[in-house]
Amino acid sequence: MGDVSLRCLIVDDSPRFGREARSLLEQEGVSVVGVAASGDEAVQLVDAHRPDLALVDISLGEESGFDVARRLVDGSNAGAPAIILVSSYDEREFSGRIAASPALGFIAKTSLSAARIRELLGD
């Protein structure tokens, strides 16, 4: 995707993380098209904004981020975004489920950056 601005949706039920991630990524040149707090909201925002990427928290309160990731890939009429799972928990706790999911990979919330995202996207 090179110099073209990457369009990203953040899916996280923590308003604080959503704000912080949006601010960080926008400072690093990523266009954040929205922040969704639930799977239903994420599906609506994907259809409305057609992001290139969705960062999906593994733990979304009552919902599993793995299920939401699958919904975004399977249910998008607009063309599915690339999925990257995020969590404050250690990747090793979820490695098998991450590998079996439609996600390109995982980024710990403490390591989130545009550079890490672009690395996973192969840019």
C-alpha atoms as a PDB file:
ATOM      1  CA  MET A   1       0.000   0.000   0.000  1.00  0.00           C
ATOM      2  CA  GLY A   2       3.096   2.185   0.068  1.00  0.00           C
ATOM      3  CA  ASP A   3       2.371   5.903   0.349  1.00  0.00           C
ATOM      4  CA  VAL A   4      -1.381   5.459   0.030  1.00  0.00           C
ATOM      5  CA  SER A   5      -3.059   6.065   3.373  1.00  0.00           C
ATOM      6  CA  LEU A   6      -4.131   2.826   4.984  1.00  0.00           C
ATOM      7  CA  ARG A   7      -7.813   2.933   6.004  1.00  0.00           C
ATOM      8  CA  CYS A   8      -8.362   1.208   9.333  1.00  0.00           C
ATOM      9  CA  LEU A   9     -11.301   0.258  11.554  1.00  0.00           C
ATOM     10  CA  ILE A  10     -10.646  -0.328  15.250  1.00  0.00           C
ATOM     11  CA  VAL A  11     -12.917  -2.870  16.953  1.00  0.00           C
ATOM     12  CA  ASP A  12     -12.559  -2.670  20.734  1.00  0.00           C
ATOM     13  CA  ASP A  13     -15.044  -2.341  23.585  1.00  0.00           C
ATOM     14  CA  SER A  14     -12.688  -0.085  25.561  1.00  0.00           C
ATOM     15  CA  PRO A  15     -13.403   3.573  24.679  1.00  0.00           C
ATOM     16  CA  ARG A  16     -10.027   4.528  26.147  1.00  0.00           C
ATOM     17  CA  PHE A  17      -8.080   2.092  23.959  1.00  0.00           C
ATOM     18  CA  GLY A  18     -10.116   3.147  20.922  1.00  0.00           C
ATOM     19  CA  ARG A  19      -9.205   6.801  21.471  1.00  0.00           C
ATOM     20  CA  GLU A  20      -5.535   6.063  22.189  1.00  0.00           C
ATOM     21  CA  ALA A  21      -5.125   3.704  19.226  1.00  0.00           C
ATOM     22  CA  ARG A  22      -6.858   6.152  16.870  1.00  0.00           C
ATOM     23  CA  SER A  23      -4.615   9.012  18.009  1.00  0.00           C
ATOM     24  CA  LEU A  24      -1.424   6.943  17.715  1.00  0.00           C
ATOM     25  CA  LEU A  25      -2.240   5.496  14.302  1.00  0.00           C
ATOM     26  CA  GLU A  26      -3.415   8.815  12.854  1.00  0.00           C
ATOM     27  CA  GLN A  27      -0.155  10.443  14.013  1.00  0.00           C
ATOM     28  CA  GLU A  28       1.651   7.680  12.113  1.00  0.00           C
ATOM     29  CA  GLY A  29      -0.278   8.257   8.886  1.00  0.00           C
ATOM     30  CA  VAL A  30      -3.057   5.667   9.159  1.00  0.00           C
ATOM     31  CA  SER A  31      -6.575   6.898   8.412  1.00  0.00           C
ATOM     32  CA  VAL A  32      -8.908   5.547  11.114  1.00  0.00           C
ATOM     33  CA  VAL A  33     -12.399   5.410   9.583  1.00  0.00           C
ATOM     34  CA  GLY A  34     -14.124   4.453  12.833  1.00  0.00           C
ATOM     35  CA  VAL A  35     -14.078   2.733  16.183  1.00  0.00           C
ATOM     36  CA  ALA A  36     -16.621  -0.025  16.804  1.00  0.00           C
ATOM     37  CA  ALA A  37     -17.456  -1.368  20.262  1.00  0.00           C
ATOM     38  CA  SER A  38     -19.265  -4.507  19.062  1.00  0.00           C
ATOM     39  CA  GLY A  39     -19.407  -6.998  16.223  1.00  0.00           C
ATOM     40  CA  ASP A  40     -22.670  -5.571  14.895  1.00  0.00           C
ATOM     41  CA  GLU A  41     -21.241  -2.062  14.840  1.00  0.00           C
ATOM     42  CA  ALA A  42     -18.062  -3.365  13.163  1.00  0.00           C
ATOM     43  CA  VAL A  43     -20.059  -5.029  10.357  1.00  0.00           C
ATOM     44  CA  GLN A  44     -22.003  -1.789   9.786  1.00  0.00           C
ATOM     45  CA  LEU A  45     -18.834   0.308   9.689  1.00  0.00           C
ATOM     46  CA  VAL A  46     -17.085  -2.106   7.307  1.00  0.00           C
ATOM     47  CA  ASP A  47     -20.025  -1.898   4.906  1.00  0.00           C
ATOM     48  CA  ALA A  48     -20.207   1.900   5.234  1.00  0.00           C
ATOM     49  CA  HIS A  49     -16.493   2.769   5.063  1.00  0.00           C
ATOM     50  CA  ARG A  50     -14.791  -0.188   3.350  1.00  0.00           C
ATOM     51  CA  PRO A  51     -11.578  -0.092   5.389  1.00  0.00           C
ATOM     52  CA  ASP A  52      -8.443  -1.872   4.196  1.00  0.00           C
ATOM     53  CA  LEU A  53      -7.878  -3.259   7.665  1.00  0.00           C
ATOM     54  CA  ALA A  54      -9.754  -4.047  10.870  1.00  0.00           C
ATOM     55  CA  LEU A  55      -7.894  -4.253  14.182  1.00  0.00           C
ATOM     56  CA  VAL A  56     -10.068  -6.567  16.282  1.00  0.00           C
ATOM     57  CA  ASP A  57      -9.657  -7.002  20.035  1.00  0.00           C
ATOM     58  CA  ILE A  58      -9.700 -10.688  20.960  1.00  0.00           C
ATOM     59  CA  SER A  59     -11.834 -10.009  24.028  1.00  0.00           C
ATOM     60  CA  LEU A  60     -14.895  -7.882  23.242  1.00  0.00           C
ATOM     61  CA  GLY A  61     -16.877  -8.196  26.450  1.00  0.00           C
ATOM     62  CA  GLU A  62     -19.644 -10.674  25.662  1.00  0.00           C
ATOM     63  CA  GLU A  63     -18.267 -11.370  22.174  1.00  0.00           C
ATOM     64  CA  SER A  64     -15.201 -13.199  20.951  1.00  0.00           C
ATOM     65  CA  GLY A  65     -12.953 -11.219  18.669  1.00  0.00           C
ATOM     66  CA  PHE A  66     -12.353 -14.463  16.768  1.00  0.00           C
ATOM     67  CA  ASP A  67     -16.085 -14.659  15.965  1.00  0.00           C
ATOM     68  CA  VAL A  68     -16.199 -10.987  14.994  1.00  0.00           C
ATOM     69  CA  ALA A  69     -13.179 -11.432  12.703  1.00  0.00           C
ATOM     70  CA  ARG A  70     -14.927 -14.337  10.984  1.00  0.00           C
ATOM     71  CA  ARG A  71     -18.119 -12.262  10.580  1.00  0.00           C
ATOM     72  CA  LEU A  72     -16.181  -9.415   8.994  1.00  0.00           C
ATOM     73  CA  VAL A  73     -14.518 -11.738   6.495  1.00  0.00           C
ATOM     74  CA  ASP A  74     -17.593 -13.841   5.719  1.00  0.00           C
ATOM     75  CA  GLY A  75     -20.308 -11.200   5.862  1.00  0.00           C
ATOM     76  CA  SER A  76     -18.919  -8.145   4.158  1.00  0.00           C
ATOM     77  CA  ASN A  77     -20.647  -7.173   0.943  1.00  0.00           C
ATOM     78  CA  ALA A  78     -18.068  -4.450   0.422  1.00  0.00           C
ATOM     79  CA  GLY A  79     -15.021  -6.711   0.245  1.00  0.00           C
ATOM     80  CA  ALA A  80     -13.487  -7.988   3.427  1.00  0.00           C
ATOM     81  CA  PRO A  81     -10.811  -5.964   5.179  1.00  0.00           C
ATOM     82  CA  ALA A  82      -7.563  -7.568   6.267  1.00  0.00           C
ATOM     83  CA  ILE A  83      -7.880  -8.577   9.928  1.00  0.00           C
ATOM     84  CA  ILE A  84      -5.254  -8.162  12.632  1.00  0.00           C
ATOM     85  CA  LEU A  85      -6.123  -9.346  16.118  1.00  0.00           C
ATOM     86  CA  VAL A  86      -5.022  -7.291  19.136  1.00  0.00           C
ATOM     87  CA  SER A  87      -5.051  -7.953  22.859  1.00  0.00           C
ATOM     88  CA  SER A  88      -3.533  -6.889  26.132  1.00  0.00           C
ATOM     89  CA  TYR A  89      -2.990 -10.601  26.831  1.00  0.00           C
ATOM     90  CA  ASP A  90       0.043 -12.562  25.685  1.00  0.00           C
ATOM     91  CA  GLU A  91      -0.101 -13.945  22.143  1.00  0.00           C
ATOM     92  CA  ARG A  92       0.932 -17.407  23.380  1.00  0.00           C
ATOM     93  CA  GLU A  93      -2.406 -17.754  25.169  1.00  0.00           C
ATOM     94  CA  PHE A  94      -4.179 -17.615  21.803  1.00  0.00           C
ATOM     95  CA  SER A  95      -1.601 -18.851  19.274  1.00  0.00           C
ATOM     96  CA  GLY A  96      -3.631 -21.852  18.047  1.00  0.00           C
ATOM     97  CA  ARG A  97      -6.831 -19.821  17.715  1.00  0.00           C
ATOM     98  CA  ILE A  98      -4.998 -16.981  15.970  1.00  0.00           C
ATOM     99  CA  ALA A  99      -3.501 -19.439  13.455  1.00  0.00           C
ATOM    100  CA  ALA A 100      -6.960 -20.959  12.803  1.00  0.00           C
ATOM    101  CA  SER A 101      -8.635 -17.552  12.405  1.00  0.00           C
ATOM    102  CA  PRO A 102      -8.940 -15.469   9.237  1.00  0.00           C
ATOM    103  CA  ALA A 103      -6.521 -12.924  10.742  1.00  0.00           C
ATOM    104  CA  LEU A 104      -3.160 -12.104   9.174  1.00  0.00           C
ATOM    105  CA  GLY A 105      -1.633 -12.038  12.613  1.00  0.00           C
ATOM    106  CA  PHE A 106      -1.561 -10.556  16.088  1.00  0.00           C
ATOM    107  CA  ILE A 107      -0.222  -7.372  17.662  1.00  0.00           C
ATOM    108  CA  ALA A 108      -0.029  -6.836  21.407  1.00  0.00           C
ATOM    109  CA  LYS A 109      -1.758  -3.580  22.320  1.00  0.00           C
ATOM    110  CA  THR A 110       1.477  -2.340  23.879  1.00  0.00           C
ATOM    111  CA  SER A 111       3.286  -2.887  20.536  1.00  0.00           C
ATOM    112  CA  LEU A 112       0.689  -1.282  18.275  1.00  0.00           C
ATOM    113  CA  SER A 113       2.177   0.914  15.557  1.00  0.00           C
ATOM    114  CA  ALA A 114       1.664   1.688  11.895  1.00  0.00           C
ATOM    115  CA  ALA A 115       5.039   0.100  11.183  1.00  0.00           C
ATOM    116  CA  ARG A 116       4.009  -3.180  12.847  1.00  0.00           C
ATOM    117  CA  ILE A 117       0.699  -3.166  10.959  1.00  0.00           C
ATOM    118  CA  ARG A 118       2.448  -2.566   7.624  1.00  0.00           C
ATOM    119  CA  GLU A 119       4.903  -5.348   8.448  1.00  0.00           C
ATOM    120  CA  LEU A 120       2.039  -7.828   8.914  1.00  0.00           C
ATOM    121  CA  LEU A 121       0.375  -6.566   5.728  1.00  0.00           C
ATOM    122  CA  GLY A 122       3.608  -7.153   3.830  1.00  0.00           C
ATOM    123  CA  ASP A 123       4.092  -3.496   2.872  1.00  0.00           C
END
